[in-house]
C-alpha cells in the first residue's frame, strides 16, 4: 500500500519520454488513496462516534 502511495514520486521525469497512460493510472490510484486516508481520518478521529468513545469514562477504573 505504501509502495502505491510513493510510486508517483519515483516517476519524476518518466512522463516526458514515454506514454502517459501509466502515469494517469498511478495518479488516479494516488488520489483514491488520499481520499481513503482522509475518510479514515475523519471516521476514526473526527466523527461523532469517535468523539463519544473519547468522552466515555474508562471502565477499568
C-alpha atoms as a PDB file:
ATOM      1  CA  UNK A   1       0.000   0.000   0.000  1.00  0.00           C
ATOM      2  CA  UNK A   2       2.802   2.378   0.873  1.00  0.00           C
ATOM      3  CA  UNK A   3       4.501   1.488  -2.377  1.00  0.00           C
ATOM      4  CA  UNK A   4       1.478   2.693  -4.372  1.00  0.00           C
ATOM      5  CA  UNK A   5       1.473   5.970  -2.466  1.00  0.00           C
ATOM      6  CA  UNK A   6       5.172   6.673  -3.126  1.00  0.00           C
ATOM      7  CA  UNK A   7       5.284   5.473  -6.735  1.00  0.00           C
ATOM      8  CA  UNK A   8       4.406   8.858  -8.339  1.00  0.00           C
ATOM      9  CA  UNK A   9       7.462  10.375  -6.656  1.00  0.00           C
ATOM     10  CA  UNK A  10       9.639   7.736  -8.290  1.00  0.00           C
ATOM     11  CA  UNK A  11       8.308   8.627 -11.774  1.00  0.00           C
ATOM     12  CA  UNK A  12       9.557  12.205 -11.695  1.00  0.00           C
ATOM     13  CA  UNK A  13      10.676  12.585 -15.320  1.00  0.00           C
ATOM     14  CA  UNK A  14       9.223   9.478 -16.895  1.00  0.00           C
ATOM     15  CA  UNK A  15       6.162  11.130 -18.453  1.00  0.00           C
ATOM     16  CA  UNK A  16       8.269  13.245 -20.848  1.00  0.00           C
ATOM     17  CA  UNK A  17       9.781  10.348 -22.748  1.00  0.00           C
ATOM     18  CA  UNK A  18       7.024   7.717 -22.703  1.00  0.00           C
ATOM     19  CA  UNK A  19       3.286   7.135 -22.771  1.00  0.00           C
ATOM     20  CA  UNK A  20       1.235   8.972 -20.161  1.00  0.00           C
ATOM     21  CA  UNK A  21      -1.173   6.080 -19.563  1.00  0.00           C
ATOM     22  CA  UNK A  22       0.822   4.573 -16.705  1.00  0.00           C
ATOM     23  CA  UNK A  23       1.239   7.981 -15.107  1.00  0.00           C
ATOM     24  CA  UNK A  24      -2.504   8.621 -15.353  1.00  0.00           C
ATOM     25  CA  UNK A  25      -3.298   5.295 -13.684  1.00  0.00           C
ATOM     26  CA  UNK A  26      -0.803   5.964 -10.904  1.00  0.00           C
ATOM     27  CA  UNK A  27      -2.256   9.449 -10.400  1.00  0.00           C
ATOM     28  CA  UNK A  28      -5.773   8.057 -10.054  1.00  0.00           C
ATOM     29  CA  UNK A  29      -4.559   5.438  -7.584  1.00  0.00           C
ATOM     30  CA  UNK A  30      -2.798   8.159  -5.588  1.00  0.00           C
ATOM     31  CA  UNK A  31      -5.921  10.320  -5.465  1.00  0.00           C
ATOM     32  CA  UNK A  32      -8.093   7.402  -4.373  1.00  0.00           C
ATOM     33  CA  UNK A  33      -5.536   6.506  -1.692  1.00  0.00           C
ATOM     34  CA  UNK A  34      -5.586  10.121  -0.462  1.00  0.00           C
ATOM     35  CA  UNK A  35      -9.376  10.235  -0.283  1.00  0.00           C
ATOM     36  CA  UNK A  36      -9.478   6.907   1.573  1.00  0.00           C
ATOM     37  CA  UNK A  37      -6.883   8.214   4.014  1.00  0.00           C
ATOM     38  CA  UNK A  38      -8.948  11.357   4.633  1.00  0.00           C
ATOM     39  CA  UNK A  39     -12.121   9.307   5.072  1.00  0.00           C
ATOM     40  CA  UNK A  40     -10.406   7.025   7.581  1.00  0.00           C
ATOM     41  CA  UNK A  41      -9.037  10.021   9.463  1.00  0.00           C
ATOM     42  CA  UNK A  42     -12.497  11.564   9.666  1.00  0.00           C
ATOM     43  CA  UNK A  43     -14.122   8.294  10.718  1.00  0.00           C
ATOM     44  CA  UNK A  44     -11.630   7.345  13.420  1.00  0.00           C
ATOM     45  CA  UNK A  45     -10.780  10.826  14.761  1.00  0.00           C
ATOM     46  CA  UNK A  46     -13.391  13.460  13.947  1.00  0.00           C
ATOM     47  CA  UNK A  47     -16.729  11.626  13.726  1.00  0.00           C
ATOM     48  CA  UNK A  48     -19.379  11.853  16.440  1.00  0.00           C
ATOM     49  CA  UNK A  49     -18.884   8.175  17.230  1.00  0.00           C
ATOM     50  CA  UNK A  50     -15.153   8.678  17.844  1.00  0.00           C
ATOM     51  CA  UNK A  51     -15.902  11.736  19.963  1.00  0.00           C
ATOM     52  CA  UNK A  52     -18.330   9.698  22.093  1.00  0.00           C
ATOM     53  CA  UNK A  53     -15.712   6.992  22.608  1.00  0.00           C
ATOM     54  CA  UNK A  54     -13.187   9.574  23.763  1.00  0.00           C
ATOM     55  CA  UNK A  55     -15.661  11.186  26.177  1.00  0.00           C
ATOM     56  CA  UNK A  56     -16.706   7.890  27.839  1.00  0.00           C
ATOM     57  CA  UNK A  57     -15.080   7.226  31.201  1.00  0.00           C
ATOM     58  CA  UNK A  58     -12.723   4.285  31.364  1.00  0.00           C
ATOM     59  CA  UNK A  59     -14.362   1.086  32.710  1.00  0.00           C
ATOM     60  CA  UNK A  60     -11.090  -0.153  34.224  1.00  0.00           C
ATOM     61  CA  UNK A  61     -11.120   2.494  36.981  1.00  0.00           C
END
